[in-house]
Amino acid sequence: SLHIPANDKTKKSINFELLNKMPKGATLVNTARKEVVHEEELMKLMEAREDFTYISDIAPDCKEEIAERFEGRFFFTPKKMGAQTAEANINAGVAAANQIV
């Protein structure tokens, strides 16, 4: 399960080499930002390993291609579900305050 921020060091850091180290039958659950997963290399891994499943609370940019090529081995929610980070709560509070003022 991924729980990392998206920054210069982490963007596209979840790549083929790293994912391929996961055990047979593995499922990657991404509750981080979609930018941390290297989408092209994720698809490369899913092509190479039929035992691999990907679940995320945000659809990747290549969701149509993944849906077409890897039916039954992925799940994405239509919009980001996580909002429990300190950053998300601060942003929600600021947005609410701006609506009031």
C-alpha atoms as a PDB file:
ATOM      1  CA  SER A   1       0.000   0.000   0.000  1.00  0.00           C
ATOM      2  CA  LEU A   2       1.359   3.405  -0.969  1.00  0.00           C
ATOM      3  CA  HIS A   3       1.172   6.339   1.432  1.00  0.00           C
ATOM      4  CA  ILE A   4       3.688   8.858   0.101  1.00  0.00           C
ATOM      5  CA  PRO A   5       3.410  12.480  -1.032  1.00  0.00           C
ATOM      6  CA  ALA A   6       3.968  13.532  -4.623  1.00  0.00           C
ATOM      7  CA  ASN A   7       7.140  15.582  -4.831  1.00  0.00           C
ATOM      8  CA  ASP A   8      10.231  15.759  -7.043  1.00  0.00           C
ATOM      9  CA  LYS A   9      11.752  12.684  -5.380  1.00  0.00           C
ATOM     10  CA  THR A  10       8.645  10.495  -5.436  1.00  0.00           C
ATOM     11  CA  LYS A  11       6.947  11.310  -8.757  1.00  0.00           C
ATOM     12  CA  LYS A  12       7.094   8.227 -11.013  1.00  0.00           C
ATOM     13  CA  SER A  13       9.231   6.475  -8.378  1.00  0.00           C
ATOM     14  CA  ILE A  14       6.944   3.424  -8.309  1.00  0.00           C
ATOM     15  CA  ASN A  15       8.326   1.844 -11.464  1.00  0.00           C
ATOM     16  CA  PHE A  16       8.674  -1.547 -13.148  1.00  0.00           C
ATOM     17  CA  GLU A  17      11.838  -2.491 -11.260  1.00  0.00           C
ATOM     18  CA  LEU A  18      10.281  -1.779  -7.870  1.00  0.00           C
ATOM     19  CA  LEU A  19       6.879  -3.306  -8.671  1.00  0.00           C
ATOM     20  CA  ASN A  20       8.443  -6.452 -10.086  1.00  0.00           C
ATOM     21  CA  LYS A  21       9.940  -7.172  -6.643  1.00  0.00           C
ATOM     22  CA  MET A  22       6.441  -7.703  -5.245  1.00  0.00           C
ATOM     23  CA  PRO A  23       5.510 -11.351  -4.560  1.00  0.00           C
ATOM     24  CA  LYS A  24       3.432 -13.506  -6.874  1.00  0.00           C
ATOM     25  CA  GLY A  25      -0.260 -12.645  -6.639  1.00  0.00           C
ATOM     26  CA  ALA A  26       0.482  -9.162  -5.288  1.00  0.00           C
ATOM     27  CA  THR A  27      -1.969  -6.277  -5.268  1.00  0.00           C
ATOM     28  CA  LEU A  28      -0.724  -2.709  -5.178  1.00  0.00           C
ATOM     29  CA  VAL A  29      -3.084  -0.372  -3.310  1.00  0.00           C
ATOM     30  CA  ASN A  30      -2.335   3.258  -4.118  1.00  0.00           C
ATOM     31  CA  THR A  31      -3.863   5.704  -1.648  1.00  0.00           C
ATOM     32  CA  ALA A  32      -1.129   8.215  -2.378  1.00  0.00           C
ATOM     33  CA  ARG A  33      -1.112  10.535  -5.372  1.00  0.00           C
ATOM     34  CA  LYS A  34      -1.391   9.067  -8.861  1.00  0.00           C
ATOM     35  CA  GLU A  35       1.786  10.921  -9.880  1.00  0.00           C
ATOM     36  CA  VAL A  36       3.971   8.611  -7.774  1.00  0.00           C
ATOM     37  CA  VAL A  37       3.198   5.642 -10.042  1.00  0.00           C
ATOM     38  CA  HIS A  38       4.998   5.511 -13.386  1.00  0.00           C
ATOM     39  CA  GLU A  39       1.927   4.590 -15.434  1.00  0.00           C
ATOM     40  CA  GLU A  40       3.744   3.300 -18.522  1.00  0.00           C
ATOM     41  CA  GLU A  41       5.867   1.009 -16.365  1.00  0.00           C
ATOM     42  CA  LEU A  42       2.810  -0.123 -14.394  1.00  0.00           C
ATOM     43  CA  MET A  43       1.234  -1.255 -17.674  1.00  0.00           C
ATOM     44  CA  LYS A  44       4.507  -2.929 -18.666  1.00  0.00           C
ATOM     45  CA  LEU A  45       4.436  -4.875 -15.389  1.00  0.00           C
ATOM     46  CA  MET A  46       0.788  -5.827 -15.764  1.00  0.00           C
ATOM     47  CA  GLU A  47       1.592  -7.122 -19.249  1.00  0.00           C
ATOM     48  CA  ALA A  48       4.509  -9.173 -17.913  1.00  0.00           C
ATOM     49  CA  ARG A  49       2.743 -10.459 -14.784  1.00  0.00           C
ATOM     50  CA  GLU A  50      -0.811 -11.714 -15.079  1.00  0.00           C
ATOM     51  CA  ASP A  51      -0.813 -12.284 -11.305  1.00  0.00           C
ATOM     52  CA  PHE A  52      -0.543  -8.555 -10.508  1.00  0.00           C
ATOM     53  CA  THR A  53      -3.532  -6.376  -9.532  1.00  0.00           C
ATOM     54  CA  TYR A  54      -3.708  -2.588  -9.125  1.00  0.00           C
ATOM     55  CA  ILE A  55      -6.200  -0.707  -6.924  1.00  0.00           C
ATOM     56  CA  SER A  56      -6.246   3.062  -6.523  1.00  0.00           C
ATOM     57  CA  ASP A  57      -8.518   5.700  -5.060  1.00  0.00           C
ATOM     58  CA  ILE A  58      -7.867   7.861  -8.120  1.00  0.00           C
ATOM     59  CA  ALA A  59      -7.982   6.804 -11.753  1.00  0.00           C
ATOM     60  CA  PRO A  60      -4.684   7.084 -13.654  1.00  0.00           C
ATOM     61  CA  ASP A  61      -4.415   9.143 -16.817  1.00  0.00           C
ATOM     62  CA  CYS A  62      -4.244   5.896 -18.820  1.00  0.00           C
ATOM     63  CA  LYS A  63      -7.408   4.408 -17.271  1.00  0.00           C
ATOM     64  CA  GLU A  64      -9.054   3.589 -20.624  1.00  0.00           C
ATOM     65  CA  GLU A  65      -6.009   1.656 -21.825  1.00  0.00           C
ATOM     66  CA  ILE A  66      -5.707  -0.242 -18.536  1.00  0.00           C
ATOM     67  CA  ALA A  67      -9.439  -1.043 -18.640  1.00  0.00           C
ATOM     68  CA  GLU A  68      -9.131  -2.363 -22.185  1.00  0.00           C
ATOM     69  CA  ARG A  69      -5.966  -4.396 -21.685  1.00  0.00           C
ATOM     70  CA  PHE A  70      -6.267  -5.668 -18.093  1.00  0.00           C
ATOM     71  CA  GLU A  71      -9.940  -6.299 -17.388  1.00  0.00           C
ATOM     72  CA  GLY A  72     -10.584  -7.603 -13.891  1.00  0.00           C
ATOM     73  CA  ARG A  73      -7.113  -6.762 -12.589  1.00  0.00           C
ATOM     74  CA  PHE A  74      -7.692  -3.165 -11.507  1.00  0.00           C
ATOM     75  CA  PHE A  75     -10.122  -0.922  -9.641  1.00  0.00           C
ATOM     76  CA  PHE A  76     -10.233   2.874  -9.560  1.00  0.00           C
ATOM     77  CA  THR A  77     -12.660   5.206  -7.869  1.00  0.00           C
ATOM     78  CA  PRO A  78     -13.972   8.034 -10.059  1.00  0.00           C
ATOM     79  CA  LYS A  79     -12.460  10.715  -7.839  1.00  0.00           C
ATOM     80  CA  LYS A  80      -9.883  10.906  -5.053  1.00  0.00           C
ATOM     81  CA  MET A  81     -11.420   9.443  -1.928  1.00  0.00           C
ATOM     82  CA  GLY A  82      -8.690  10.227   0.588  1.00  0.00           C
ATOM     83  CA  ALA A  83      -9.112  13.503   2.418  1.00  0.00           C
ATOM     84  CA  GLN A  84      -7.780  12.674   5.830  1.00  0.00           C
ATOM     85  CA  THR A  85      -4.263  14.063   5.509  1.00  0.00           C
ATOM     86  CA  ALA A  86      -3.340  17.236   7.374  1.00  0.00           C
ATOM     87  CA  GLU A  87      -2.876  18.967   4.011  1.00  0.00           C
ATOM     88  CA  ALA A  88      -6.346  17.928   2.814  1.00  0.00           C
ATOM     89  CA  ASN A  89      -7.999  19.032   6.056  1.00  0.00           C
ATOM     90  CA  ILE A  90      -6.247  22.418   5.956  1.00  0.00           C
ATOM     91  CA  ASN A  91      -7.247  22.906   2.320  1.00  0.00           C
ATOM     92  CA  ALA A  92     -10.860  22.004   3.132  1.00  0.00           C
ATOM     93  CA  GLY A  93     -10.871  24.432   6.056  1.00  0.00           C
ATOM     94  CA  VAL A  94      -9.454  27.263   3.949  1.00  0.00           C
ATOM     95  CA  ALA A  95     -12.004  26.564   1.189  1.00  0.00           C
ATOM     96  CA  ALA A  96     -14.850  26.620   3.733  1.00  0.00           C
ATOM     97  CA  ALA A  97     -13.580  29.850   5.274  1.00  0.00           C
ATOM     98  CA  ASN A  98     -13.314  31.478   1.840  1.00  0.00           C
ATOM     99  CA  GLN A  99     -16.938  30.575   1.111  1.00  0.00           C
ATOM    100  CA  ILE A 100     -18.081  32.140   4.378  1.00  0.00           C
ATOM    101  CA  VAL A 101     -16.125  35.369   3.907  1.00  0.00           C
END
